[in-house]
Amino acid sequence: LENIIEGPVIVKGEPKEEATARARELLAKVGLAGKETSYPRRLSGGQQQRVAIARALAMRPEVILFDEPTSALDPELVGEVLNTIRQLAQEKRTMVIVTHEMSFARDVA
């Protein structure tokens, strides 16, 4: 949770309570509700990548850049991250994605 609220609180000056509430919502959105107190070493690679997505979303960006978001993941974890990105695409978020997952890229384009 602290990892996600640091940017909005320090860089954007958001109140900590507001940033914390948003961080909880974002963790739930990426399928990690209940992991607010987990340290990165306790999370799988796919979970760590989804926390990174939540951290990026916490800054309320106009565009999100994904540079090979699944390249360092075990094959069984790739689907978790792709599903999260697919969900963002359904919300009509603007994203630039660099990937070798060509069928996925076609689906979300």
PDB file of N, CA and C in Angstrom:
ATOM      1  N   LEU A   1       0.831  -1.190   0.000  1.00  0.00           N
ATOM      2  CA  LEU A   1       0.000   0.000   0.000  1.00  0.00           C
ATOM      3  C   LEU A   1       0.877   1.257   0.000  1.00  0.00           C
ATOM      4  N   GLU A   2       1.882   1.250   0.846  1.00  0.00           N
ATOM      5  CA  GLU A   2       2.785   2.410   0.913  1.00  0.00           C
ATOM      6  C   GLU A   2       3.460   2.647  -0.436  1.00  0.00           C
ATOM      7  N   ASN A   3       3.786   1.569  -1.122  1.00  0.00           N
ATOM      8  CA  ASN A   3       4.435   1.638  -2.423  1.00  0.00           C
ATOM      9  C   ASN A   3       3.548   2.372  -3.428  1.00  0.00           C
ATOM     10  N   ILE A   4       2.260   2.192  -3.334  1.00  0.00           N
ATOM     11  CA  ILE A   4       1.324   2.776  -4.292  1.00  0.00           C
ATOM     12  C   ILE A   4       1.010   4.233  -3.963  1.00  0.00           C
ATOM     13  N   ILE A   5       0.939   4.586  -2.694  1.00  0.00           N
ATOM     14  CA  ILE A   5       0.529   5.952  -2.331  1.00  0.00           C
ATOM     15  C   ILE A   5       1.681   6.953  -2.334  1.00  0.00           C
ATOM     16  N   GLU A   6       2.910   6.480  -2.399  1.00  0.00           N
ATOM     17  CA  GLU A   6       4.050   7.395  -2.324  1.00  0.00           C
ATOM     18  C   GLU A   6       4.014   8.469  -3.413  1.00  0.00           C
ATOM     19  N   GLY A   7       3.781   8.088  -4.655  1.00  0.00           N
ATOM     20  CA  GLY A   7       3.748   9.058  -5.751  1.00  0.00           C
ATOM     21  C   GLY A   7       2.651  10.093  -5.598  1.00  0.00           C
ATOM     22  N   PRO A   8       1.406   9.657  -5.429  1.00  0.00           N
ATOM     23  CA  PRO A   8       0.334  10.648  -5.293  1.00  0.00           C
ATOM     24  C   PRO A   8       0.512  11.589  -4.101  1.00  0.00           C
ATOM     25  N   VAL A   9       1.020  11.071  -2.982  1.00  0.00           N
ATOM     26  CA  VAL A   9       1.171  11.901  -1.783  1.00  0.00           C
ATOM     27  C   VAL A   9       2.355  12.850  -1.933  1.00  0.00           C
ATOM     28  N   ILE A  10       3.509  12.328  -2.318  1.00  0.00           N
ATOM     29  CA  ILE A  10       4.718  13.155  -2.362  1.00  0.00           C
ATOM     30  C   ILE A  10       4.769  14.033  -3.610  1.00  0.00           C
ATOM     31  N   VAL A  11       4.484  13.462  -4.772  1.00  0.00           N
ATOM     32  CA  VAL A  11       4.617  14.213  -6.021  1.00  0.00           C
ATOM     33  C   VAL A  11       3.403  15.094  -6.298  1.00  0.00           C
ATOM     34  N   LYS A  12       2.221  14.550  -6.112  1.00  0.00           N
ATOM     35  CA  LYS A  12       1.005  15.297  -6.451  1.00  0.00           C
ATOM     36  C   LYS A  12       0.376  16.016  -5.263  1.00  0.00           C
ATOM     37  N   GLY A  13       0.859  15.738  -4.052  1.00  0.00           N
ATOM     38  CA  GLY A  13       0.341  16.408  -2.872  1.00  0.00           C
ATOM     39  C   GLY A  13      -1.057  15.985  -2.456  1.00  0.00           C
ATOM     40  N   GLU A  14      -1.477  14.786  -2.854  1.00  0.00           N
ATOM     41  CA  GLU A  14      -2.798  14.296  -2.447  1.00  0.00           C
ATOM     42  C   GLU A  14      -2.797  13.994  -0.955  1.00  0.00           C
ATOM     43  N   PRO A  15      -3.925  14.194  -0.301  1.00  0.00           N
ATOM     44  CA  PRO A  15      -4.016  13.802   1.110  1.00  0.00           C
ATOM     45  C   PRO A  15      -3.793  12.291   1.237  1.00  0.00           C
ATOM     46  N   LYS A  16      -3.089  11.892   2.283  1.00  0.00           N
ATOM     47  CA  LYS A  16      -2.742  10.485   2.464  1.00  0.00           C
ATOM     48  C   LYS A  16      -3.985   9.597   2.542  1.00  0.00           C
ATOM     49  N   GLU A  17      -5.023  10.073   3.203  1.00  0.00           N
ATOM     50  CA  GLU A  17      -6.243   9.277   3.343  1.00  0.00           C
ATOM     51  C   GLU A  17      -6.886   9.016   1.984  1.00  0.00           C
ATOM     52  N   GLU A  18      -6.915  10.049   1.145  1.00  0.00           N
ATOM     53  CA  GLU A  18      -7.498   9.912  -0.197  1.00  0.00           C
ATOM     54  C   GLU A  18      -6.660   8.953  -1.044  1.00  0.00           C
ATOM     55  N   ALA A  19      -5.346   9.105  -0.983  1.00  0.00           N
ATOM     56  CA  ALA A  19      -4.452   8.233  -1.751  1.00  0.00           C
ATOM     57  C   ALA A  19      -4.552   6.784  -1.275  1.00  0.00           C
ATOM     58  N   THR A  20      -4.702   6.592   0.024  1.00  0.00           N
ATOM     59  CA  THR A  20      -4.825   5.239   0.578  1.00  0.00           C
ATOM     60  C   THR A  20      -6.118   4.582   0.114  1.00  0.00           C
ATOM     61  N   ALA A  21      -7.207   5.321   0.142  1.00  0.00           N
ATOM     62  CA  ALA A  21      -8.489   4.772  -0.318  1.00  0.00           C
ATOM     63  C   ALA A  21      -8.409   4.399  -1.798  1.00  0.00           C
ATOM     64  N   ARG A  22      -7.809   5.266  -2.591  1.00  0.00           N
ATOM     65  CA  ARG A  22      -7.659   4.980  -4.034  1.00  0.00           C
ATOM     66  C   ARG A  22      -6.758   3.771  -4.243  1.00  0.00           C
ATOM     67  N   ALA A  23      -5.682   3.663  -3.471  1.00  0.00           N
ATOM     68  CA  ALA A  23      -4.768   2.520  -3.604  1.00  0.00           C
ATOM     69  C   ALA A  23      -5.491   1.211  -3.309  1.00  0.00           C
ATOM     70  N   ARG A  24      -6.331   1.212  -2.303  1.00  0.00           N
ATOM     71  CA  ARG A  24      -7.114  -0.002  -1.989  1.00  0.00           C
ATOM     72  C   ARG A  24      -8.043  -0.362  -3.155  1.00  0.00           C
ATOM     73  N   GLU A  25      -8.680   0.646  -3.745  1.00  0.00           N
ATOM     74  CA  GLU A  25      -9.554   0.412  -4.898  1.00  0.00           C
ATOM     75  C   GLU A  25      -8.759  -0.163  -6.067  1.00  0.00           C
ATOM     76  N   LEU A  26      -7.580   0.401  -6.299  1.00  0.00           N
ATOM     77  CA  LEU A  26      -6.758  -0.060  -7.421  1.00  0.00           C
ATOM     78  C   LEU A  26      -6.249  -1.479  -7.199  1.00  0.00           C
ATOM     79  N   LEU A  27      -5.869  -1.804  -5.973  1.00  0.00           N
ATOM     80  CA  LEU A  27      -5.443  -3.179  -5.693  1.00  0.00           C
ATOM     81  C   LEU A  27      -6.593  -4.151  -5.945  1.00  0.00           C
ATOM     82  N   ALA A  28      -7.786  -3.770  -5.555  1.00  0.00           N
ATOM     83  CA  ALA A  28      -8.948  -4.628  -5.821  1.00  0.00           C
ATOM     84  C   ALA A  28      -9.173  -4.756  -7.327  1.00  0.00           C
ATOM     85  N   LYS A  29      -8.999  -3.657  -8.037  1.00  0.00           N
ATOM     86  CA  LYS A  29      -9.201  -3.654  -9.487  1.00  0.00           C
ATOM     87  C   LYS A  29      -8.250  -4.611 -10.199  1.00  0.00           C
ATOM     88  N   VAL A  30      -7.012  -4.710  -9.715  1.00  0.00           N
ATOM     89  CA  VAL A  30      -6.036  -5.602 -10.356  1.00  0.00           C
ATOM     90  C   VAL A  30      -6.031  -6.987  -9.716  1.00  0.00           C
ATOM     91  N   GLY A  31      -7.034  -7.255  -8.881  1.00  0.00           N
ATOM     92  CA  GLY A  31      -7.186  -8.589  -8.310  1.00  0.00           C
ATOM     93  C   GLY A  31      -6.324  -8.882  -7.107  1.00  0.00           C
ATOM     94  N   LEU A  32      -5.921  -7.844  -6.380  1.00  0.00           N
ATOM     95  CA  LEU A  32      -5.034  -8.046  -5.235  1.00  0.00           C
ATOM     96  C   LEU A  32      -5.598  -7.479  -3.933  1.00  0.00           C
ATOM     97  N   ALA A  33      -6.911  -7.434  -3.823  1.00  0.00           N
ATOM     98  CA  ALA A  33      -7.507  -7.014  -2.551  1.00  0.00           C
ATOM     99  C   ALA A  33      -7.028  -7.970  -1.466  1.00  0.00           C
ATOM    100  N   GLY A  34      -6.693  -7.431  -0.316  1.00  0.00           N
ATOM    101  CA  GLY A  34      -6.194  -8.261   0.778  1.00  0.00           C
ATOM    102  C   GLY A  34      -4.681  -8.377   0.814  1.00  0.00           C
ATOM    103  N   LYS A  35      -4.003  -7.803  -0.178  1.00  0.00           N
ATOM    104  CA  LYS A  35      -2.537  -7.870  -0.223  1.00  0.00           C
ATOM    105  C   LYS A  35      -1.904  -6.528   0.152  1.00  0.00           C
ATOM    106  N   GLU A  36      -2.673  -5.665   0.798  1.00  0.00           N
ATOM    107  CA  GLU A  36      -2.203  -4.312   1.103  1.00  0.00           C
ATOM    108  C   GLU A  36      -0.933  -4.279   1.936  1.00  0.00           C
ATOM    109  N   THR A  37      -0.740  -5.259   2.793  1.00  0.00           N
ATOM    110  CA  THR A  37       0.426  -5.245   3.680  1.00  0.00           C
ATOM    111  C   THR A  37       1.523  -6.202   3.227  1.00  0.00           C
ATOM    112  N   SER A  38       1.346  -6.825   2.068  1.00  0.00           N
ATOM    113  CA  SER A  38       2.340  -7.793   1.583  1.00  0.00           C
ATOM    114  C   SER A  38       3.561  -7.083   1.012  1.00  0.00           C
ATOM    115  N   TYR A  39       4.731  -7.594   1.328  1.00  0.00           N
ATOM    116  CA  TYR A  39       5.971  -7.083   0.762  1.00  0.00           C
ATOM    117  C   TYR A  39       6.215  -7.750  -0.586  1.00  0.00           C
ATOM    118  N   PRO A  40       6.920  -7.069  -1.498  1.00  0.00           N
ATOM    119  CA  PRO A  40       7.151  -7.627  -2.835  1.00  0.00           C
ATOM    120  C   PRO A  40       7.718  -9.046  -2.835  1.00  0.00           C
ATOM    121  N   ARG A  41       8.597  -9.349  -1.914  1.00  0.00           N
ATOM    122  CA  ARG A  41       9.210 -10.686  -1.911  1.00  0.00           C
ATOM    123  C   ARG A  41       8.191 -11.781  -1.595  1.00  0.00           C
ATOM    124  N   ARG A  42       7.039 -11.394  -1.061  1.00  0.00           N
ATOM    125  CA  ARG A  42       5.976 -12.353  -0.732  1.00  0.00           C
ATOM    126  C   ARG A  42       4.963 -12.515  -1.872  1.00  0.00           C
ATOM    127  N   LEU A  43       5.157 -11.772  -2.961  1.00  0.00           N
ATOM    128  CA  LEU A  43       4.231 -11.819  -4.087  1.00  0.00           C
ATOM    129  C   LEU A  43       4.864 -12.543  -5.268  1.00  0.00           C
ATOM    130  N   SER A  44       4.035 -13.170  -6.082  1.00  0.00           N
ATOM    131  CA  SER A  44       4.533 -13.804  -7.306  1.00  0.00           C
ATOM    132  C   SER A  44       4.920 -12.708  -8.302  1.00  0.00           C
ATOM    133  N   GLY A  45       5.604 -13.097  -9.356  1.00  0.00           N
ATOM    134  CA  GLY A  45       5.986 -12.132 -10.387  1.00  0.00           C
ATOM    135  C   GLY A  45       4.775 -11.462 -11.011  1.00  0.00           C
ATOM    136  N   GLY A  46       3.724 -12.236 -11.258  1.00  0.00           N
ATOM    137  CA  GLY A  46       2.501 -11.665 -11.822  1.00  0.00           C
ATOM    138  C   GLY A  46       1.837 -10.689 -10.872  1.00  0.00           C
ATOM    139  N   GLN A  47       1.850 -11.025  -9.583  1.00  0.00           N
ATOM    140  CA  GLN A  47       1.275 -10.119  -8.588  1.00  0.00           C
ATOM    141  C   GLN A  47       2.103  -8.843  -8.493  1.00  0.00           C
ATOM    142  N   GLN A  48       3.423  -8.965  -8.535  1.00  0.00           N
ATOM    143  CA  GLN A  48       4.285  -7.784  -8.491  1.00  0.00           C
ATOM    144  C   GLN A  48       4.015  -6.878  -9.690  1.00  0.00           C
ATOM    145  N   GLN A  49       3.818  -7.480 -10.847  1.00  0.00           N
ATOM    146  CA  GLN A  49       3.553  -6.697 -12.053  1.00  0.00           C
ATOM    147  C   GLN A  49       2.200  -5.983 -11.941  1.00  0.00           C
ATOM    148  N   ARG A  50       1.213  -6.642 -11.345  1.00  0.00           N
ATOM    149  CA  ARG A  50      -0.095  -6.009 -11.174  1.00  0.00           C
ATOM    150  C   ARG A  50      -0.038  -4.892 -10.135  1.00  0.00           C
ATOM    151  N   VAL A  51       0.807  -5.019  -9.113  1.00  0.00           N
ATOM    152  CA  VAL A  51       1.012  -3.916  -8.167  1.00  0.00           C
ATOM    153  C   VAL A  51       1.633  -2.734  -8.906  1.00  0.00           C
ATOM    154  N   ALA A  52       2.566  -3.012  -9.809  1.00  0.00           N
ATOM    155  CA  ALA A  52       3.187  -1.939 -10.593  1.00  0.00           C
ATOM    156  C   ALA A  52       2.139  -1.223 -11.450  1.00  0.00           C
ATOM    157  N   ILE A  53       1.197  -1.968 -11.994  1.00  0.00           N
ATOM    158  CA  ILE A  53       0.119  -1.358 -12.775  1.00  0.00           C
ATOM    159  C   ILE A  53      -0.740  -0.475 -11.864  1.00  0.00           C
ATOM    160  N   ALA A  54      -1.074  -0.964 -10.688  1.00  0.00           N
ATOM    161  CA  ALA A  54      -1.851  -0.162  -9.731  1.00  0.00           C
ATOM    162  C   ALA A  54      -1.088   1.102  -9.350  1.00  0.00           C
ATOM    163  N   ARG A  55       0.220   0.980  -9.150  1.00  0.00           N
ATOM    164  CA  ARG A  55       1.048   2.143  -8.797  1.00  0.00           C
ATOM    165  C   ARG A  55       1.015   3.177  -9.918  1.00  0.00           C
ATOM    166  N   ALA A  56       1.089   2.722 -11.163  1.00  0.00           N
ATOM    167  CA  ALA A  56       1.023   3.651 -12.294  1.00  0.00           C
ATOM    168  C   ALA A  56      -0.349   4.319 -12.364  1.00  0.00           C
ATOM    169  N   LEU A  57      -1.404   3.546 -12.175  1.00  0.00           N
ATOM    170  CA  LEU A  57      -2.760   4.097 -12.232  1.00  0.00           C
ATOM    171  C   LEU A  57      -3.026   5.094 -11.108  1.00  0.00           C
ATOM    172  N   ALA A  58      -2.354   4.932  -9.988  1.00  0.00           N
ATOM    173  CA  ALA A  58      -2.546   5.835  -8.850  1.00  0.00           C
ATOM    174  C   ALA A  58      -2.178   7.275  -9.199  1.00  0.00           C
ATOM    175  N   MET A  59      -1.315   7.440 -10.190  1.00  0.00           N
ATOM    176  CA  MET A  59      -0.909   8.786 -10.606  1.00  0.00           C
ATOM    177  C   MET A  59      -1.897   9.410 -11.601  1.00  0.00           C
ATOM    178  N   ARG A  60      -2.943   8.688 -11.940  1.00  0.00           N
ATOM    179  CA  ARG A  60      -3.988   9.146 -12.858  1.00  0.00           C
ATOM    180  C   ARG A  60      -3.409   9.614 -14.202  1.00  0.00           C
ATOM    181  N   PRO A  61      -2.645   8.737 -14.857  1.00  0.00           N
ATOM    182  CA  PRO A  61      -2.015   9.144 -16.115  1.00  0.00           C
ATOM    183  C   PRO A  61      -3.015   9.201 -17.270  1.00  0.00           C
ATOM    184  N   GLU A  62      -2.694  10.018 -18.269  1.00  0.00           N
ATOM    185  CA  GLU A  62      -3.513  10.054 -19.478  1.00  0.00           C
ATOM    186  C   GLU A  62      -3.178   8.864 -20.372  1.00  0.00           C
ATOM    187  N   VAL A  63      -1.911   8.442 -20.357  1.00  0.00           N
ATOM    188  CA  VAL A  63      -1.431   7.331 -21.177  1.00  0.00           C
ATOM    189  C   VAL A  63      -0.582   6.426 -20.298  1.00  0.00           C
ATOM    190  N   ILE A  64      -0.705   5.119 -20.504  1.00  0.00           N
ATOM    191  CA  ILE A  64       0.120   4.155 -19.773  1.00  0.00           C
ATOM    192  C   ILE A  64       0.995   3.432 -20.783  1.00  0.00           C
ATOM    193  N   LEU A  65       2.289   3.356 -20.514  1.00  0.00           N
ATOM    194  CA  LEU A  65       3.227   2.632 -21.370  1.00  0.00           C
ATOM    195  C   LEU A  65       3.569   1.307 -20.716  1.00  0.00           C
ATOM    196  N   PHE A  66       3.373   0.229 -21.452  1.00  0.00           N
ATOM    197  CA  PHE A  66       3.768  -1.104 -21.002  1.00  0.00           C
ATOM    198  C   PHE A  66       4.894  -1.566 -21.910  1.00  0.00           C
ATOM    199  N   ASP A  67       6.068  -1.753 -21.360  1.00  0.00           N
ATOM    200  CA  ASP A  67       7.215  -2.229 -22.133  1.00  0.00           C
ATOM    201  C   ASP A  67       7.467  -3.683 -21.766  1.00  0.00           C
ATOM    202  N   GLU A  68       7.020  -4.589 -22.612  1.00  0.00           N
ATOM    203  CA  GLU A  68       7.166  -6.031 -22.383  1.00  0.00           C
ATOM    204  C   GLU A  68       6.688  -6.417 -20.975  1.00  0.00           C
ATOM    205  N   PRO A  69       5.424  -6.169 -20.664  1.00  0.00           N
ATOM    206  CA  PRO A  69       4.937  -6.413 -19.300  1.00  0.00           C
ATOM    207  C   PRO A  69       4.971  -7.870 -18.859  1.00  0.00           C
ATOM    208  N   THR A  70       5.117  -8.797 -19.799  1.00  0.00           N
ATOM    209  CA  THR A  70       5.109 -10.221 -19.432  1.00  0.00           C
ATOM    210  C   THR A  70       6.442 -10.911 -19.686  1.00  0.00           C
ATOM    211  N   SER A  71       7.448 -10.170 -20.123  1.00  0.00           N
ATOM    212  CA  SER A  71       8.698 -10.806 -20.568  1.00  0.00           C
ATOM    213  C   SER A  71       9.441 -11.551 -19.464  1.00  0.00           C
ATOM    214  N   ALA A  72       9.364 -11.100 -18.234  1.00  0.00           N
ATOM    215  CA  ALA A  72      10.125 -11.734 -17.148  1.00  0.00           C
ATOM    216  C   ALA A  72       9.273 -12.697 -16.320  1.00  0.00           C
ATOM    217  N   LEU A  73       8.079 -13.002 -16.797  1.00  0.00           N
ATOM    218  CA  LEU A  73       7.164 -13.830 -16.009  1.00  0.00           C
ATOM    219  C   LEU A  73       7.191 -15.284 -16.456  1.00  0.00           C
ATOM    220  N   ASP A  74       6.930 -16.166 -15.503  1.00  0.00           N
ATOM    221  CA  ASP A  74       6.735 -17.573 -15.832  1.00  0.00           C
ATOM    222  C   ASP A  74       5.466 -17.681 -16.673  1.00  0.00           C
ATOM    223  N   PRO A  75       5.428 -18.632 -17.599  1.00  0.00           N
ATOM    224  CA  PRO A  75       4.259 -18.753 -18.491  1.00  0.00           C
ATOM    225  C   PRO A  75       2.917 -18.827 -17.762  1.00  0.00           C
ATOM    226  N   GLU A  76       2.880 -19.466 -16.610  1.00  0.00           N
ATOM    227  CA  GLU A  76       1.599 -19.589 -15.908  1.00  0.00           C
ATOM    228  C   GLU A  76       1.134 -18.271 -15.289  1.00  0.00           C
ATOM    229  N   LEU A  77       2.018 -17.277 -15.183  1.00  0.00           N
ATOM    230  CA  LEU A  77       1.653 -15.985 -14.596  1.00  0.00           C
ATOM    231  C   LEU A  77       1.296 -14.938 -15.645  1.00  0.00           C
ATOM    232  N   VAL A  78       1.623 -15.210 -16.894  1.00  0.00           N
ATOM    233  CA  VAL A  78       1.398 -14.248 -17.972  1.00  0.00           C
ATOM    234  C   VAL A  78      -0.082 -13.871 -18.074  1.00  0.00           C
ATOM    235  N   GLY A  79      -0.954 -14.852 -17.960  1.00  0.00           N
ATOM    236  CA  GLY A  79      -2.391 -14.604 -18.097  1.00  0.00           C
ATOM    237  C   GLY A  79      -2.926 -13.599 -17.101  1.00  0.00           C
ATOM    238  N   GLU A  80      -2.401 -13.623 -15.862  1.00  0.00           N
ATOM    239  CA  GLU A  80      -2.853 -12.671 -14.837  1.00  0.00           C
ATOM    240  C   GLU A  80      -2.641 -11.238 -15.301  1.00  0.00           C
ATOM    241  N   VAL A  81      -1.447 -10.970 -15.817  1.00  0.00           N
ATOM    242  CA  VAL A  81      -1.097  -9.616 -16.229  1.00  0.00           C
ATOM    243  C   VAL A  81      -1.865  -9.231 -17.494  1.00  0.00           C
ATOM    244  N   LEU A  82      -1.954 -10.155 -18.450  1.00  0.00           N
ATOM    245  CA  LEU A  82      -2.684  -9.852 -19.684  1.00  0.00           C
ATOM    246  C   LEU A  82      -4.157  -9.579 -19.400  1.00  0.00           C
ATOM    247  N   ASN A  83      -4.749 -10.298 -18.473  1.00  0.00           N
ATOM    248  CA  ASN A  83      -6.151 -10.047 -18.110  1.00  0.00           C
ATOM    249  C   ASN A  83      -6.328  -8.666 -17.496  1.00  0.00           C
ATOM    250  N   THR A  84      -5.360  -8.245 -16.686  1.00  0.00           N
ATOM    251  CA  THR A  84      -5.424  -6.908 -16.086  1.00  0.00           C
ATOM    252  C   THR A  84      -5.343  -5.840 -17.165  1.00  0.00           C
ATOM    253  N   ILE A  85      -4.426  -6.010 -18.115  1.00  0.00           N
ATOM    254  CA  ILE A  85      -4.289  -5.037 -19.206  1.00  0.00           C
ATOM    255  C   ILE A  85      -5.537  -5.055 -20.086  1.00  0.00           C
ATOM    256  N   ARG A  86      -6.087  -6.222 -20.329  1.00  0.00           N
ATOM    257  CA  ARG A  86      -7.316  -6.351 -21.123  1.00  0.00           C
ATOM    258  C   ARG A  86      -8.461  -5.579 -20.445  1.00  0.00           C
ATOM    259  N   GLN A  87      -8.531  -5.674 -19.128  1.00  0.00           N
ATOM    260  CA  GLN A  87      -9.558  -4.948 -18.371  1.00  0.00           C
ATOM    261  C   GLN A  87      -9.387  -3.437 -18.556  1.00  0.00           C
ATOM    262  N   LEU A  88      -8.142  -2.961 -18.531  1.00  0.00           N
ATOM    263  CA  LEU A  88      -7.890  -1.532 -18.733  1.00  0.00           C
ATOM    264  C   LEU A  88      -8.314  -1.107 -20.135  1.00  0.00           C
ATOM    265  N   ALA A  89      -8.078  -1.957 -21.120  1.00  0.00           N
ATOM    266  CA  ALA A  89      -8.480  -1.654 -22.497  1.00  0.00           C
ATOM    267  C   ALA A  89     -10.000  -1.536 -22.593  1.00  0.00           C
ATOM    268  N   GLN A  90     -10.718  -2.380 -21.867  1.00  0.00           N
ATOM    269  CA  GLN A  90     -12.181  -2.329 -21.883  1.00  0.00           C
ATOM    270  C   GLN A  90     -12.704  -1.037 -21.258  1.00  0.00           C
ATOM    271  N   GLU A  91     -11.888  -0.423 -20.399  1.00  0.00           N
ATOM    272  CA  GLU A  91     -12.258   0.863 -19.790  1.00  0.00           C
ATOM    273  C   GLU A  91     -11.907   2.034 -20.699  1.00  0.00           C
ATOM    274  N   LYS A  92     -11.412   1.720 -21.892  1.00  0.00           N
ATOM    275  CA  LYS A  92     -11.034   2.733 -22.893  1.00  0.00           C
ATOM    276  C   LYS A  92      -9.844   3.577 -22.449  1.00  0.00           C
ATOM    277  N   ARG A  93      -8.935   2.977 -21.704  1.00  0.00           N
ATOM    278  CA  ARG A  93      -7.717   3.684 -21.305  1.00  0.00           C
ATOM    279  C   ARG A  93      -6.757   3.724 -22.492  1.00  0.00           C
ATOM    280  N   THR A  94      -6.032   4.823 -22.607  1.00  0.00           N
ATOM    281  CA  THR A  94      -5.038   4.935 -23.663  1.00  0.00           C
ATOM    282  C   THR A  94      -3.765   4.260 -23.191  1.00  0.00           C
ATOM    283  N   MET A  95      -3.297   3.286 -23.985  1.00  0.00           N
ATOM    284  CA  MET A  95      -2.105   2.522 -23.619  1.00  0.00           C
ATOM    285  C   MET A  95      -1.216   2.349 -24.841  1.00  0.00           C
ATOM    286  N   VAL A  96       0.084   2.352 -24.597  1.00  0.00           N
ATOM    287  CA  VAL A  96       1.070   1.976 -25.600  1.00  0.00           C
ATOM    288  C   VAL A  96       1.712   0.711 -25.059  1.00  0.00           C
ATOM    289  N   ILE A  97       1.629  -0.371 -25.827  1.00  0.00           N
ATOM    290  CA  ILE A  97       2.116  -1.660 -25.344  1.00  0.00           C
ATOM    291  C   ILE A  97       3.170  -2.200 -26.297  1.00  0.00           C
ATOM    292  N   VAL A  98       4.354  -2.468 -25.765  1.00  0.00           N
ATOM    293  CA  VAL A  98       5.413  -3.145 -26.507  1.00  0.00           C
ATOM    294  C   VAL A  98       5.370  -4.592 -26.047  1.00  0.00           C
ATOM    295  N   THR A  99       5.087  -5.513 -26.979  1.00  0.00           N
ATOM    296  CA  THR A  99       4.936  -6.910 -26.581  1.00  0.00           C
ATOM    297  C   THR A  99       5.210  -7.854 -27.744  1.00  0.00           C
ATOM    298  N   HIS A 100       5.572  -9.067 -27.403  1.00  0.00           N
ATOM    299  CA  HIS A 100       5.700 -10.134 -28.393  1.00  0.00           C
ATOM    300  C   HIS A 100       4.440 -11.000 -28.411  1.00  0.00           C
ATOM    301  N   GLU A 101       3.492 -10.693 -27.555  1.00  0.00           N
ATOM    302  CA  GLU A 101       2.221 -11.424 -27.478  1.00  0.00           C
ATOM    303  C   GLU A 101       1.295 -10.866 -28.566  1.00  0.00           C
ATOM    304  N   MET A 102       1.533 -11.277 -29.805  1.00  0.00           N
ATOM    305  CA  MET A 102       0.842 -10.675 -30.944  1.00  0.00           C
ATOM    306  C   MET A 102      -0.671 -10.891 -30.924  1.00  0.00           C
ATOM    307  N   SER A 103      -1.121 -12.066 -30.556  1.00  0.00           N
ATOM    308  CA  SER A 103      -2.569 -12.291 -30.532  1.00  0.00           C
ATOM    309  C   SER A 103      -3.224 -11.404 -29.471  1.00  0.00           C
ATOM    310  N   PHE A 104      -2.548 -11.232 -28.351  1.00  0.00           N
ATOM    311  CA  PHE A 104      -3.052 -10.339 -27.304  1.00  0.00           C
ATOM    312  C   PHE A 104      -3.119  -8.905 -27.826  1.00  0.00           C
ATOM    313  N   ALA A 105      -2.064  -8.458 -28.501  1.00  0.00           N
ATOM    314  CA  ALA A 105      -2.026  -7.094 -29.034  1.00  0.00           C
ATOM    315  C   ALA A 105      -3.184  -6.865 -30.005  1.00  0.00           C
ATOM    316  N   ARG A 106      -3.471  -7.844 -30.846  1.00  0.00           N
ATOM    317  CA  ARG A 106      -4.596  -7.719 -31.776  1.00  0.00           C
ATOM    318  C   ARG A 106      -5.923  -7.626 -31.018  1.00  0.00           C
ATOM    319  N   ASP A 107      -6.055  -8.414 -29.971  1.00  0.00           N
ATOM    320  CA  ASP A 107      -7.301  -8.429 -29.199  1.00  0.00           C
ATOM    321  C   ASP A 107      -7.592  -7.088 -28.527  1.00  0.00           C
ATOM    322  N   VAL A 108      -6.579  -6.463 -27.967  1.00  0.00           N
ATOM    323  CA  VAL A 108      -6.815  -5.229 -27.205  1.00  0.00           C
ATOM    324  C   VAL A 108      -6.700  -3.966 -28.049  1.00  0.00           C
ATOM    325  N   ALA A 109      -6.269  -4.111 -29.293  1.00  0.00           N
ATOM    326  CA  ALA A 109      -6.108  -2.935 -30.170  1.00  0.00           C
ATOM    327  C   ALA A 109      -7.453  -2.319 -30.505  1.00  0.00           C
TER     328      ALA A 109
END
